[in-house]
Amino acid sequence: MSQKPLIVVSGATGAQAKALKAKGVEEVVKCDLSNKEDIKNALSGADIAWIVTNYWDPLIIGVNPGEEERQGKLIADAAKEVGLNWLIYSSLPDSTTESDGKYPAIIHLSGISAPFVDKGNEVEVCFPYLTENDSIPMIDVEGDTGPIVAKIIEEGPAKWNGRKVPVAAESVGLKHLADVLTEVTGKTHKIRTLNDDDIKEFSFIDTDELK
């Protein structure tokens, strides 16, 4: 490609959008990911798009988790219709593959969200089913995502087209996570393992996905 490709990046809102424009981003476009025409308008004329859906969308969280899946399909269909050369879709691991078929119906790994419960003298960091002896993969979203995606674009679709790229900076033990939070905040943090009854306390955790 002789000239720089036009790249669409989703997910910029509010002050972030203004900051991007100040850094030289050519155009900031409002796009409702539930509206196919909005998506097509945002992708029109682009060569590459990096797309992430928003689980915290009021249409999704606590209302209809399946809407996020529908949005993903809308994006793929719109990308094909406008002739986008390359779509990079940011998502979570395939739960069916990663669990050897044990969890085939998970739309979004919302159970990994960790609500904080402040009890005055200490803070509980709550994880469904996981204990302080478990570890989870973590990444610095702001610091790591850009360089990784930039490298993929630089190396091109000949190398990366059709491939899944799992990304994690490190595997972190939950006890270590709690200890770091304690050190940084000065307030004791402890891991609390949520069972089925506990999970019902938290409305944004989709219990159907955790079965």
N, C-alpha and C. Protein backbone atom coordinates (compact mmCIF):
# COMPACT_ATOMS: atom_id res chain seq x y z
N MET A 1 0.85 -1.20 0.00
CA MET A 1 0.00 0.00 0.00
C MET A 1 0.89 1.25 0.00
N SER A 2 0.75 2.08 -1.06
CA SER A 2 1.65 3.21 -1.23
C SER A 2 1.37 4.34 -0.25
N GLN A 3 0.13 4.51 0.14
CA GLN A 3 -0.19 5.55 1.10
C GLN A 3 -0.67 4.94 2.40
N LYS A 4 -0.70 5.76 3.44
CA LYS A 4 -1.11 5.25 4.73
C LYS A 4 -2.55 4.76 4.67
N PRO A 5 -2.83 3.59 5.25
CA PRO A 5 -4.21 3.09 5.24
C PRO A 5 -5.08 3.92 6.17
N LEU A 6 -6.36 3.98 5.84
CA LEU A 6 -7.33 4.63 6.71
C LEU A 6 -7.82 3.58 7.70
N ILE A 7 -7.61 3.85 8.98
CA ILE A 7 -7.95 2.88 10.02
C ILE A 7 -9.06 3.43 10.91
N VAL A 8 -10.09 2.62 11.11
CA VAL A 8 -11.18 2.97 12.01
C VAL A 8 -10.96 2.25 13.34
N VAL A 9 -11.06 3.01 14.43
CA VAL A 9 -10.91 2.44 15.77
C VAL A 9 -12.17 2.75 16.55
N SER A 10 -12.84 1.73 17.07
CA SER A 10 -14.07 1.97 17.82
C SER A 10 -13.77 2.12 19.30
N GLY A 11 -14.71 2.71 20.02
CA GLY A 11 -14.61 2.77 21.47
C GLY A 11 -14.19 4.09 22.06
N ALA A 12 -13.96 5.11 21.24
CA ALA A 12 -13.57 6.41 21.79
C ALA A 12 -14.82 7.19 22.16
N THR A 13 -14.89 7.68 23.39
CA THR A 13 -16.05 8.46 23.81
C THR A 13 -15.62 9.67 24.61
N GLY A 14 -16.48 10.67 24.65
CA GLY A 14 -16.28 11.83 25.53
C GLY A 14 -14.93 12.49 25.41
N ALA A 15 -14.28 12.69 26.56
CA ALA A 15 -13.00 13.38 26.61
C ALA A 15 -11.94 12.64 25.81
N GLN A 16 -12.04 11.29 25.77
CA GLN A 16 -11.07 10.51 25.01
C GLN A 16 -11.13 10.87 23.53
N ALA A 17 -12.35 11.02 22.99
CA ALA A 17 -12.51 11.39 21.59
C ALA A 17 -11.87 12.74 21.31
N LYS A 18 -12.05 13.69 22.24
CA LYS A 18 -11.46 15.01 22.06
C LYS A 18 -9.93 14.93 22.07
N ALA A 19 -9.40 14.10 22.95
CA ALA A 19 -7.94 13.94 23.03
C ALA A 19 -7.39 13.33 21.75
N LEU A 20 -8.12 12.38 21.19
CA LEU A 20 -7.68 11.75 19.95
C LEU A 20 -7.66 12.76 18.80
N LYS A 21 -8.68 13.59 18.75
CA LYS A 21 -8.75 14.59 17.69
C LYS A 21 -7.59 15.58 17.81
N ALA A 22 -7.22 15.90 19.05
CA ALA A 22 -6.11 16.82 19.29
C ALA A 22 -4.78 16.21 18.85
N LYS A 23 -4.72 14.88 18.82
CA LYS A 23 -3.48 14.20 18.42
C LYS A 23 -3.40 13.95 16.91
N GLY A 24 -4.40 14.42 16.19
CA GLY A 24 -4.31 14.30 14.74
C GLY A 24 -5.24 13.29 14.11
N VAL A 25 -6.12 12.69 14.89
CA VAL A 25 -7.10 11.78 14.31
C VAL A 25 -7.97 12.58 13.35
N GLU A 26 -8.13 12.08 12.13
CA GLU A 26 -8.79 12.86 11.08
C GLU A 26 -10.24 13.16 11.38
N GLU A 27 -10.95 12.18 11.91
CA GLU A 27 -12.38 12.39 12.10
C GLU A 27 -12.89 11.51 13.24
N VAL A 28 -13.77 12.06 14.06
CA VAL A 28 -14.44 11.30 15.11
C VAL A 28 -15.91 11.16 14.70
N VAL A 29 -16.38 9.92 14.61
CA VAL A 29 -17.72 9.65 14.11
C VAL A 29 -18.56 8.97 15.18
N LYS A 30 -19.78 9.46 15.38
CA LYS A 30 -20.70 8.82 16.30
C LYS A 30 -21.26 7.56 15.63
N CYS A 31 -21.22 6.45 16.37
CA CYS A 31 -21.68 5.19 15.78
C CYS A 31 -22.38 4.34 16.82
N ASP A 32 -23.62 3.99 16.55
CA ASP A 32 -24.38 3.06 17.39
C ASP A 32 -24.13 1.66 16.84
N LEU A 33 -23.45 0.82 17.62
CA LEU A 33 -23.09 -0.51 17.14
C LEU A 33 -24.29 -1.45 17.03
N SER A 34 -25.46 -0.97 17.43
CA SER A 34 -26.69 -1.75 17.24
C SER A 34 -27.39 -1.39 15.94
N ASN A 35 -26.82 -0.38 15.23
CA ASN A 35 -27.44 0.12 14.01
C ASN A 35 -26.51 -0.14 12.82
N LYS A 36 -26.93 -1.01 11.93
CA LYS A 36 -26.08 -1.42 10.82
C LYS A 36 -25.69 -0.25 9.92
N GLU A 37 -26.61 0.67 9.67
CA GLU A 37 -26.31 1.80 8.80
C GLU A 37 -25.26 2.71 9.44
N ASP A 38 -25.32 2.88 10.77
CA ASP A 38 -24.30 3.64 11.49
C ASP A 38 -22.93 3.00 11.31
N ILE A 39 -22.89 1.68 11.43
CA ILE A 39 -21.62 0.95 11.30
C ILE A 39 -21.07 1.09 9.89
N LYS A 40 -21.93 0.93 8.90
CA LYS A 40 -21.48 1.05 7.51
C LYS A 40 -20.94 2.45 7.23
N ASN A 41 -21.61 3.46 7.79
CA ASN A 41 -21.16 4.84 7.62
C ASN A 41 -19.78 5.04 8.24
N ALA A 42 -19.57 4.46 9.42
CA ALA A 42 -18.28 4.60 10.10
C ALA A 42 -17.16 3.88 9.36
N LEU A 43 -17.48 2.75 8.72
CA LEU A 43 -16.47 1.95 8.04
C LEU A 43 -16.25 2.36 6.59
N SER A 44 -17.14 3.14 6.05
CA SER A 44 -17.07 3.50 4.63
C SER A 44 -15.74 4.19 4.28
N GLY A 45 -15.07 3.65 3.29
CA GLY A 45 -13.81 4.24 2.82
C GLY A 45 -12.58 3.78 3.60
N ALA A 46 -12.78 3.00 4.63
CA ALA A 46 -11.65 2.56 5.46
C ALA A 46 -10.99 1.32 4.86
N ASP A 47 -9.72 1.14 5.20
CA ASP A 47 -8.98 -0.05 4.79
C ASP A 47 -8.98 -1.10 5.89
N ILE A 48 -8.83 -0.63 7.13
CA ILE A 48 -8.70 -1.51 8.28
C ILE A 48 -9.59 -0.97 9.40
N ALA A 49 -10.17 -1.87 10.18
CA ALA A 49 -10.94 -1.44 11.35
C ALA A 49 -10.57 -2.30 12.55
N TRP A 50 -10.36 -1.63 13.68
CA TRP A 50 -10.16 -2.33 14.96
C TRP A 50 -11.42 -2.07 15.77
N ILE A 51 -12.13 -3.15 16.08
CA ILE A 51 -13.46 -3.01 16.68
C ILE A 51 -13.54 -3.73 18.03
N VAL A 52 -14.13 -3.06 19.00
CA VAL A 52 -14.46 -3.70 20.27
C VAL A 52 -15.88 -3.30 20.64
N THR A 53 -16.67 -4.28 21.08
CA THR A 53 -18.02 -3.98 21.53
C THR A 53 -17.98 -3.56 23.00
N ASN A 54 -19.06 -2.97 23.47
CA ASN A 54 -19.11 -2.42 24.82
C ASN A 54 -20.09 -3.22 25.68
N TYR A 55 -19.57 -4.09 26.54
CA TYR A 55 -20.45 -4.90 27.39
C TYR A 55 -21.27 -4.04 28.34
N TRP A 56 -20.77 -2.83 28.65
CA TRP A 56 -21.47 -1.96 29.60
C TRP A 56 -22.55 -1.11 28.92
N ASP A 57 -22.79 -1.36 27.64
CA ASP A 57 -23.87 -0.70 26.91
C ASP A 57 -25.19 -0.98 27.65
N PRO A 58 -26.01 0.05 27.91
CA PRO A 58 -27.28 -0.15 28.62
C PRO A 58 -28.21 -1.15 27.94
N LEU A 59 -28.02 -1.37 26.64
CA LEU A 59 -28.83 -2.35 25.93
C LEU A 59 -28.38 -3.78 26.23
N ILE A 60 -27.17 -3.91 26.82
CA ILE A 60 -26.58 -5.23 27.01
C ILE A 60 -26.55 -5.64 28.48
N ILE A 61 -25.81 -4.90 29.29
CA ILE A 61 -25.57 -5.33 30.66
C ILE A 61 -26.85 -5.36 31.49
N GLY A 62 -27.11 -6.51 32.07
CA GLY A 62 -28.29 -6.67 32.90
C GLY A 62 -29.59 -6.69 32.14
N VAL A 63 -29.52 -6.56 30.80
CA VAL A 63 -30.74 -6.52 29.99
C VAL A 63 -30.76 -7.67 28.97
N ASN A 64 -29.74 -7.67 28.11
CA ASN A 64 -29.70 -8.68 27.04
C ASN A 64 -28.26 -8.92 26.60
N PRO A 65 -27.53 -9.81 27.27
CA PRO A 65 -26.14 -10.09 26.89
C PRO A 65 -26.01 -10.55 25.44
N GLY A 66 -27.07 -11.16 24.89
CA GLY A 66 -27.03 -11.61 23.51
C GLY A 66 -26.92 -10.48 22.51
N GLU A 67 -27.25 -9.25 22.94
CA GLU A 67 -27.15 -8.09 22.05
C GLU A 67 -25.70 -7.85 21.64
N GLU A 68 -24.75 -8.16 22.52
CA GLU A 68 -23.34 -7.97 22.18
C GLU A 68 -22.94 -8.89 21.03
N GLU A 69 -23.43 -10.12 21.07
CA GLU A 69 -23.16 -11.06 19.98
C GLU A 69 -23.79 -10.57 18.68
N ARG A 70 -25.01 -10.05 18.78
CA ARG A 70 -25.70 -9.52 17.59
C ARG A 70 -24.91 -8.36 16.99
N GLN A 71 -24.39 -7.49 17.86
CA GLN A 71 -23.59 -6.37 17.38
C GLN A 71 -22.35 -6.85 16.63
N GLY A 72 -21.70 -7.89 17.17
CA GLY A 72 -20.51 -8.42 16.51
C GLY A 72 -20.82 -8.92 15.11
N LYS A 73 -21.95 -9.59 14.97
CA LYS A 73 -22.35 -10.10 13.65
C LYS A 73 -22.71 -8.95 12.71
N LEU A 74 -23.37 -7.91 13.26
CA LEU A 74 -23.70 -6.73 12.45
C LEU A 74 -22.43 -6.09 11.89
N ILE A 75 -21.42 -5.99 12.75
CA ILE A 75 -20.15 -5.38 12.36
C ILE A 75 -19.50 -6.18 11.23
N ALA A 76 -19.47 -7.50 11.39
CA ALA A 76 -18.88 -8.36 10.36
C ALA A 76 -19.62 -8.23 9.03
N ASP A 77 -20.95 -8.22 9.09
CA ASP A 77 -21.76 -8.09 7.86
C ASP A 77 -21.53 -6.73 7.20
N ALA A 78 -21.50 -5.68 8.03
CA ALA A 78 -21.30 -4.32 7.49
C ALA A 78 -19.92 -4.20 6.87
N ALA A 79 -18.90 -4.79 7.51
CA ALA A 79 -17.54 -4.73 6.99
C ALA A 79 -17.46 -5.37 5.61
N LYS A 80 -18.16 -6.48 5.46
CA LYS A 80 -18.17 -7.18 4.17
C LYS A 80 -18.89 -6.35 3.11
N GLU A 81 -19.99 -5.74 3.50
CA GLU A 81 -20.78 -4.97 2.53
C GLU A 81 -20.06 -3.73 2.03
N VAL A 82 -19.29 -3.07 2.90
CA VAL A 82 -18.59 -1.85 2.46
C VAL A 82 -17.24 -2.16 1.83
N GLY A 83 -16.84 -3.43 1.82
CA GLY A 83 -15.58 -3.81 1.19
C GLY A 83 -14.35 -3.54 2.03
N LEU A 84 -14.50 -3.59 3.36
CA LEU A 84 -13.36 -3.38 4.24
C LEU A 84 -12.31 -4.45 3.95
N ASN A 85 -11.04 -4.04 3.86
CA ASN A 85 -9.98 -4.99 3.54
C ASN A 85 -9.64 -5.91 4.72
N TRP A 86 -9.74 -5.35 5.93
CA TRP A 86 -9.27 -6.13 7.08
C TRP A 86 -9.98 -5.68 8.35
N LEU A 87 -10.63 -6.62 9.02
CA LEU A 87 -11.32 -6.35 10.27
C LEU A 87 -10.59 -7.05 11.42
N ILE A 88 -10.15 -6.26 12.40
CA ILE A 88 -9.53 -6.81 13.59
C ILE A 88 -10.54 -6.66 14.72
N TYR A 89 -11.02 -7.79 15.22
CA TYR A 89 -12.10 -7.78 16.21
C TYR A 89 -11.54 -8.17 17.57
N SER A 90 -11.64 -7.26 18.53
CA SER A 90 -11.12 -7.51 19.87
C SER A 90 -12.19 -8.18 20.71
N SER A 91 -11.88 -9.37 21.22
CA SER A 91 -12.86 -10.13 21.96
C SER A 91 -12.19 -10.90 23.08
N LEU A 92 -12.95 -11.78 23.71
CA LEU A 92 -12.43 -12.66 24.74
C LEU A 92 -12.18 -14.05 24.15
N PRO A 93 -11.47 -14.90 24.86
CA PRO A 93 -11.19 -16.25 24.33
C PRO A 93 -12.47 -17.02 24.05
N ASP A 94 -12.39 -17.96 23.12
CA ASP A 94 -13.50 -18.84 22.79
C ASP A 94 -13.71 -19.81 23.95
N SER A 95 -14.78 -19.59 24.70
CA SER A 95 -15.01 -20.40 25.91
C SER A 95 -15.24 -21.88 25.58
N THR A 96 -15.84 -22.13 24.42
CA THR A 96 -16.09 -23.52 24.04
C THR A 96 -14.79 -24.27 23.83
N THR A 97 -13.86 -23.64 23.10
CA THR A 97 -12.57 -24.27 22.83
C THR A 97 -11.72 -24.36 24.09
N GLU A 98 -11.65 -23.25 24.83
CA GLU A 98 -10.77 -23.20 26.00
C GLU A 98 -11.23 -24.16 27.11
N SER A 99 -12.53 -24.46 27.17
CA SER A 99 -13.04 -25.36 28.22
C SER A 99 -13.27 -26.77 27.70
N ASP A 100 -12.76 -27.06 26.49
CA ASP A 100 -12.97 -28.38 25.87
C ASP A 100 -14.45 -28.73 25.78
N GLY A 101 -15.26 -27.75 25.46
CA GLY A 101 -16.68 -27.97 25.26
C GLY A 101 -17.53 -27.93 26.50
N LYS A 102 -16.93 -27.69 27.68
CA LYS A 102 -17.69 -27.69 28.93
C LYS A 102 -18.63 -26.49 29.02
N TYR A 103 -18.18 -25.32 28.50
CA TYR A 103 -19.00 -24.09 28.59
C TYR A 103 -19.24 -23.55 27.18
N PRO A 104 -20.23 -24.14 26.46
CA PRO A 104 -20.45 -23.73 25.07
C PRO A 104 -21.35 -22.52 24.89
N ALA A 105 -22.04 -22.10 25.95
CA ALA A 105 -23.08 -21.08 25.80
C ALA A 105 -22.69 -19.72 26.35
N ILE A 106 -21.42 -19.52 26.70
CA ILE A 106 -21.02 -18.25 27.27
C ILE A 106 -20.87 -17.20 26.17
N ILE A 107 -21.61 -16.11 26.30
CA ILE A 107 -21.54 -15.02 25.33
C ILE A 107 -20.45 -14.04 25.73
N HIS A 108 -20.36 -13.76 27.04
CA HIS A 108 -19.38 -12.81 27.54
C HIS A 108 -18.95 -13.30 28.91
N LEU A 109 -17.64 -13.28 29.17
CA LEU A 109 -17.16 -13.80 30.45
C LEU A 109 -17.39 -12.79 31.56
N SER A 110 -18.66 -12.44 31.76
CA SER A 110 -18.98 -11.41 32.74
C SER A 110 -18.67 -11.84 34.16
N GLY A 111 -18.57 -13.14 34.39
CA GLY A 111 -18.29 -13.62 35.73
C GLY A 111 -16.92 -13.24 36.23
N ILE A 112 -16.02 -12.85 35.33
CA ILE A 112 -14.68 -12.46 35.74
C ILE A 112 -14.67 -11.04 36.29
N SER A 113 -15.75 -10.30 36.08
CA SER A 113 -15.84 -8.97 36.68
C SER A 113 -15.75 -9.12 38.20
N ALA A 114 -15.01 -8.22 38.83
CA ALA A 114 -14.80 -8.35 40.27
C ALA A 114 -15.36 -7.14 41.01
N PRO A 115 -16.57 -7.27 41.56
CA PRO A 115 -17.10 -6.16 42.35
C PRO A 115 -16.31 -5.99 43.65
N PHE A 116 -16.19 -4.74 44.10
CA PHE A 116 -15.51 -4.43 45.36
C PHE A 116 -16.55 -4.11 46.42
N VAL A 117 -16.48 -4.78 47.54
CA VAL A 117 -17.43 -4.54 48.64
C VAL A 117 -16.65 -3.94 49.81
N ASP A 118 -16.90 -2.67 50.09
CA ASP A 118 -16.21 -1.97 51.18
C ASP A 118 -16.95 -2.22 52.49
N LYS A 119 -16.28 -2.90 53.41
CA LYS A 119 -16.88 -3.23 54.71
C LYS A 119 -16.34 -2.34 55.82
N GLY A 120 -15.77 -1.22 55.46
CA GLY A 120 -15.26 -0.28 56.45
C GLY A 120 -13.82 -0.56 56.83
N ASN A 121 -13.58 -1.68 57.50
CA ASN A 121 -12.22 -2.00 57.92
C ASN A 121 -11.44 -2.76 56.86
N GLU A 122 -12.16 -3.29 55.85
CA GLU A 122 -11.49 -3.98 54.75
C GLU A 122 -12.39 -3.99 53.52
N VAL A 123 -11.77 -4.31 52.39
CA VAL A 123 -12.51 -4.36 51.13
C VAL A 123 -12.46 -5.78 50.58
N GLU A 124 -13.62 -6.30 50.21
CA GLU A 124 -13.67 -7.63 49.60
C GLU A 124 -13.64 -7.48 48.07
N VAL A 125 -12.72 -8.20 47.45
CA VAL A 125 -12.66 -8.26 45.99
C VAL A 125 -13.30 -9.58 45.60
N CYS A 126 -14.46 -9.51 44.96
CA CYS A 126 -15.31 -10.70 44.80
C CYS A 126 -15.18 -11.34 43.41
N PHE A 127 -14.89 -12.63 43.41
CA PHE A 127 -14.79 -13.40 42.17
C PHE A 127 -15.70 -14.62 42.24
N PRO A 128 -16.54 -14.83 41.22
CA PRO A 128 -17.36 -16.06 41.20
C PRO A 128 -16.46 -17.29 41.11
N TYR A 129 -16.57 -18.16 42.10
CA TYR A 129 -15.95 -19.49 42.11
C TYR A 129 -14.43 -19.49 42.28
N LEU A 130 -13.74 -18.43 41.93
CA LEU A 130 -12.29 -18.41 42.04
C LEU A 130 -11.85 -18.12 43.48
N THR A 131 -10.74 -18.73 43.90
CA THR A 131 -10.21 -18.51 45.24
C THR A 131 -8.91 -17.72 45.15
N GLU A 132 -8.38 -17.34 46.30
CA GLU A 132 -7.13 -16.56 46.31
C GLU A 132 -5.95 -17.37 45.78
N ASN A 133 -6.09 -18.67 45.66
CA ASN A 133 -5.01 -19.51 45.14
C ASN A 133 -5.04 -19.61 43.62
N ASP A 134 -6.10 -19.10 43.00
CA ASP A 134 -6.20 -19.14 41.54
C ASP A 134 -5.47 -17.95 40.91
N SER A 135 -5.13 -18.11 39.64
CA SER A 135 -4.48 -17.03 38.88
C SER A 135 -5.33 -16.70 37.66
N ILE A 136 -5.23 -15.46 37.20
CA ILE A 136 -5.93 -15.05 35.99
C ILE A 136 -4.97 -14.31 35.07
N PRO A 137 -5.15 -14.44 33.74
CA PRO A 137 -4.31 -13.70 32.81
C PRO A 137 -4.69 -12.23 32.83
N MET A 138 -3.70 -11.35 32.80
CA MET A 138 -3.98 -9.92 32.84
C MET A 138 -3.14 -9.19 31.80
N ILE A 139 -3.63 -8.02 31.41
CA ILE A 139 -2.93 -7.19 30.45
C ILE A 139 -3.18 -5.72 30.78
N ASP A 140 -2.20 -4.89 30.50
CA ASP A 140 -2.37 -3.45 30.63
C ASP A 140 -3.06 -2.98 29.35
N VAL A 141 -4.38 -2.81 29.42
CA VAL A 141 -5.16 -2.51 28.22
C VAL A 141 -4.67 -1.24 27.53
N GLU A 142 -4.44 -0.19 28.30
CA GLU A 142 -4.03 1.09 27.72
C GLU A 142 -2.60 1.04 27.20
N GLY A 143 -1.70 0.34 27.94
CA GLY A 143 -0.30 0.35 27.56
C GLY A 143 0.09 -0.68 26.53
N ASP A 144 -0.61 -1.82 26.50
CA ASP A 144 -0.19 -2.94 25.66
C ASP A 144 -0.98 -3.09 24.36
N THR A 145 -2.25 -2.73 24.37
CA THR A 145 -3.10 -2.99 23.21
C THR A 145 -2.61 -2.28 21.96
N GLY A 146 -2.33 -0.98 22.07
CA GLY A 146 -1.90 -0.20 20.91
C GLY A 146 -0.69 -0.79 20.20
N PRO A 147 0.42 -1.02 20.92
CA PRO A 147 1.61 -1.58 20.28
C PRO A 147 1.37 -2.95 19.64
N ILE A 148 0.54 -3.78 20.29
CA ILE A 148 0.26 -5.11 19.74
C ILE A 148 -0.51 -5.00 18.42
N VAL A 149 -1.57 -4.19 18.43
CA VAL A 149 -2.38 -4.02 17.22
C VAL A 149 -1.56 -3.36 16.11
N ALA A 150 -0.73 -2.37 16.48
CA ALA A 150 0.11 -1.69 15.49
C ALA A 150 1.06 -2.69 14.82
N LYS A 151 1.62 -3.61 15.60
CA LYS A 151 2.54 -4.61 15.04
C LYS A 151 1.81 -5.56 14.10
N ILE A 152 0.59 -5.95 14.47
CA ILE A 152 -0.20 -6.82 13.60
C ILE A 152 -0.49 -6.12 12.27
N ILE A 153 -0.87 -4.84 12.34
CA ILE A 153 -1.15 -4.08 11.12
C ILE A 153 0.12 -3.93 10.28
N GLU A 154 1.24 -3.66 10.95
CA GLU A 154 2.51 -3.51 10.25
C GLU A 154 2.91 -4.78 9.49
N GLU A 155 2.69 -5.94 10.13
CA GLU A 155 3.08 -7.20 9.50
C GLU A 155 2.07 -7.66 8.46
N GLY A 156 0.84 -7.17 8.56
CA GLY A 156 -0.12 -7.34 7.49
C GLY A 156 -0.95 -8.61 7.51
N PRO A 157 -2.02 -8.60 6.70
CA PRO A 157 -2.96 -9.72 6.65
C PRO A 157 -2.36 -11.01 6.10
N ALA A 158 -1.30 -10.90 5.30
CA ALA A 158 -0.68 -12.12 4.77
C ALA A 158 -0.23 -13.04 5.90
N LYS A 159 0.20 -12.44 7.02
CA LYS A 159 0.63 -13.21 8.18
C LYS A 159 -0.50 -13.48 9.16
N TRP A 160 -1.41 -12.50 9.33
CA TRP A 160 -2.35 -12.57 10.44
C TRP A 160 -3.79 -12.81 10.05
N ASN A 161 -4.13 -12.73 8.76
CA ASN A 161 -5.53 -12.87 8.36
C ASN A 161 -6.11 -14.23 8.79
N GLY A 162 -7.28 -14.17 9.44
CA GLY A 162 -7.96 -15.39 9.86
C GLY A 162 -7.44 -16.00 11.14
N ARG A 163 -6.48 -15.36 11.77
CA ARG A 163 -5.87 -15.94 12.98
C ARG A 163 -6.42 -15.29 14.25
N LYS A 164 -6.48 -16.08 15.31
CA LYS A 164 -6.80 -15.56 16.63
C LYS A 164 -5.49 -15.27 17.34
N VAL A 165 -5.43 -14.11 17.99
CA VAL A 165 -4.19 -13.70 18.66
C VAL A 165 -4.46 -13.56 20.15
N PRO A 166 -4.22 -14.60 20.94
CA PRO A 166 -4.43 -14.48 22.38
C PRO A 166 -3.38 -13.57 22.99
N VAL A 167 -3.81 -12.68 23.87
CA VAL A 167 -2.90 -11.69 24.44
C VAL A 167 -3.03 -11.65 25.95
N ALA A 168 -1.92 -11.80 26.65
CA ALA A 168 -1.88 -11.63 28.10
C ALA A 168 -0.45 -11.26 28.48
N ALA A 169 -0.32 -10.25 29.32
CA ALA A 169 1.02 -9.82 29.72
C ALA A 169 1.60 -10.76 30.78
N GLU A 170 0.74 -11.24 31.69
CA GLU A 170 1.21 -12.11 32.75
C GLU A 170 0.04 -12.81 33.42
N SER A 171 0.35 -13.87 34.14
CA SER A 171 -0.65 -14.57 34.94
C SER A 171 -0.48 -14.14 36.39
N VAL A 172 -1.54 -13.58 36.97
CA VAL A 172 -1.44 -12.99 38.30
C VAL A 172 -2.29 -13.76 39.30
N GLY A 173 -1.70 -14.15 40.42
CA GLY A 173 -2.45 -14.81 41.48
C GLY A 173 -3.38 -13.82 42.16
N LEU A 174 -4.57 -14.27 42.52
CA LEU A 174 -5.54 -13.36 43.12
C LEU A 174 -5.09 -12.86 44.48
N LYS A 175 -4.38 -13.69 45.24
CA LYS A 175 -3.86 -13.23 46.53
C LYS A 175 -2.86 -12.10 46.31
N HIS A 176 -2.02 -12.25 45.29
CA HIS A 176 -1.06 -11.19 44.98
C HIS A 176 -1.79 -9.91 44.58
N LEU A 177 -2.86 -10.07 43.82
CA LEU A 177 -3.66 -8.91 43.41
C LEU A 177 -4.20 -8.18 44.63
N ALA A 178 -4.74 -8.93 45.59
CA ALA A 178 -5.27 -8.32 46.80
C ALA A 178 -4.17 -7.64 47.61
N ASP A 179 -3.00 -8.28 47.67
CA ASP A 179 -1.88 -7.70 48.42
C ASP A 179 -1.42 -6.38 47.79
N VAL A 180 -1.39 -6.33 46.46
CA VAL A 180 -0.99 -5.10 45.77
C VAL A 180 -2.00 -3.99 46.04
N LEU A 181 -3.28 -4.32 45.97
CA LEU A 181 -4.31 -3.32 46.26
C LEU A 181 -4.21 -2.80 47.69
N THR A 182 -3.88 -3.70 48.60
CA THR A 182 -3.69 -3.30 50.00
C THR A 182 -2.54 -2.32 50.13
N GLU A 183 -1.43 -2.64 49.46
CA GLU A 183 -0.24 -1.79 49.53
C GLU A 183 -0.48 -0.42 48.90
N VAL A 184 -1.15 -0.42 47.76
CA VAL A 184 -1.36 0.82 47.01
C VAL A 184 -2.38 1.74 47.70
N THR A 185 -3.44 1.15 48.23
CA THR A 185 -4.53 1.95 48.80
C THR A 185 -4.37 2.20 50.29
N GLY A 186 -3.57 1.36 50.95
CA GLY A 186 -3.43 1.48 52.39
C GLY A 186 -4.58 0.87 53.16
N LYS A 187 -5.49 0.22 52.46
CA LYS A 187 -6.65 -0.42 53.09
C LYS A 187 -6.63 -1.91 52.76
N THR A 188 -6.87 -2.74 53.74
CA THR A 188 -6.79 -4.19 53.56
C THR A 188 -7.81 -4.68 52.52
N HIS A 189 -7.30 -5.42 51.53
CA HIS A 189 -8.15 -6.04 50.52
C HIS A 189 -8.03 -7.56 50.64
N LYS A 190 -9.15 -8.23 50.56
CA LYS A 190 -9.16 -9.69 50.62
C LYS A 190 -10.03 -10.25 49.50
N ILE A 191 -9.63 -11.44 49.01
CA ILE A 191 -10.42 -12.10 47.97
C ILE A 191 -11.60 -12.83 48.61
N ARG A 192 -12.78 -12.60 48.04
CA ARG A 192 -13.97 -13.33 48.47
C ARG A 192 -14.46 -14.19 47.32
N THR A 193 -14.63 -15.48 47.58
CA THR A 193 -15.12 -16.40 46.56
C THR A 193 -16.65 -16.45 46.62
N LEU A 194 -17.28 -16.10 45.50
CA LEU A 194 -18.74 -16.10 45.45
C LEU A 194 -19.27 -17.47 45.05
N ASN A 195 -20.24 -17.98 45.82
CA ASN A 195 -20.92 -19.20 45.41
C ASN A 195 -22.20 -18.82 44.68
N ASP A 196 -23.01 -19.82 44.33
CA ASP A 196 -24.21 -19.54 43.54
C ASP A 196 -25.15 -18.55 44.24
N ASP A 197 -25.33 -18.71 45.55
CA ASP A 197 -26.23 -17.81 46.28
C ASP A 197 -25.65 -16.40 46.36
N ASP A 198 -24.32 -16.31 46.56
CA ASP A 198 -23.68 -14.99 46.65
C ASP A 198 -23.82 -14.21 45.35
N ILE A 199 -23.71 -14.92 44.23
CA ILE A 199 -23.73 -14.27 42.92
C ILE A 199 -25.03 -13.51 42.69
N LYS A 200 -26.11 -14.00 43.28
CA LYS A 200 -27.41 -13.34 43.11
C LYS A 200 -27.44 -11.93 43.67
N GLU A 201 -26.46 -11.61 44.54
CA GLU A 201 -26.40 -10.26 45.12
C GLU A 201 -26.00 -9.22 44.08
N PHE A 202 -25.31 -9.67 43.03
CA PHE A 202 -24.73 -8.74 42.08
C PHE A 202 -25.50 -8.80 40.77
N SER A 203 -26.29 -7.78 40.50
CA SER A 203 -27.23 -7.80 39.38
C SER A 203 -26.54 -7.82 38.02
N PHE A 204 -25.28 -7.31 37.93
CA PHE A 204 -24.67 -7.24 36.61
C PHE A 204 -23.96 -8.53 36.21
N ILE A 205 -23.90 -9.53 37.13
CA ILE A 205 -23.32 -10.81 36.77
C ILE A 205 -24.41 -11.69 36.21
N ASP A 206 -24.23 -12.14 34.97
CA ASP A 206 -25.24 -12.96 34.30
C ASP A 206 -25.11 -14.40 34.77
N THR A 207 -26.02 -14.83 35.63
CA THR A 207 -25.91 -16.17 36.20
C THR A 207 -26.11 -17.26 35.15
N ASP A 208 -26.85 -16.99 34.09
CA ASP A 208 -27.02 -17.99 33.05
C ASP A 208 -25.70 -18.33 32.38
N GLU A 209 -24.82 -17.35 32.27
CA GLU A 209 -23.52 -17.59 31.65
C GLU A 209 -22.59 -18.38 32.54
N LEU A 210 -22.84 -18.37 33.85
CA LEU A 210 -21.93 -19.02 34.78
C LEU A 210 -22.30 -20.46 35.08
N LYS A 211 -23.42 -20.94 34.57
CA LYS A 211 -23.87 -22.29 34.87
C LYS A 211 -22.99 -23.32 34.19
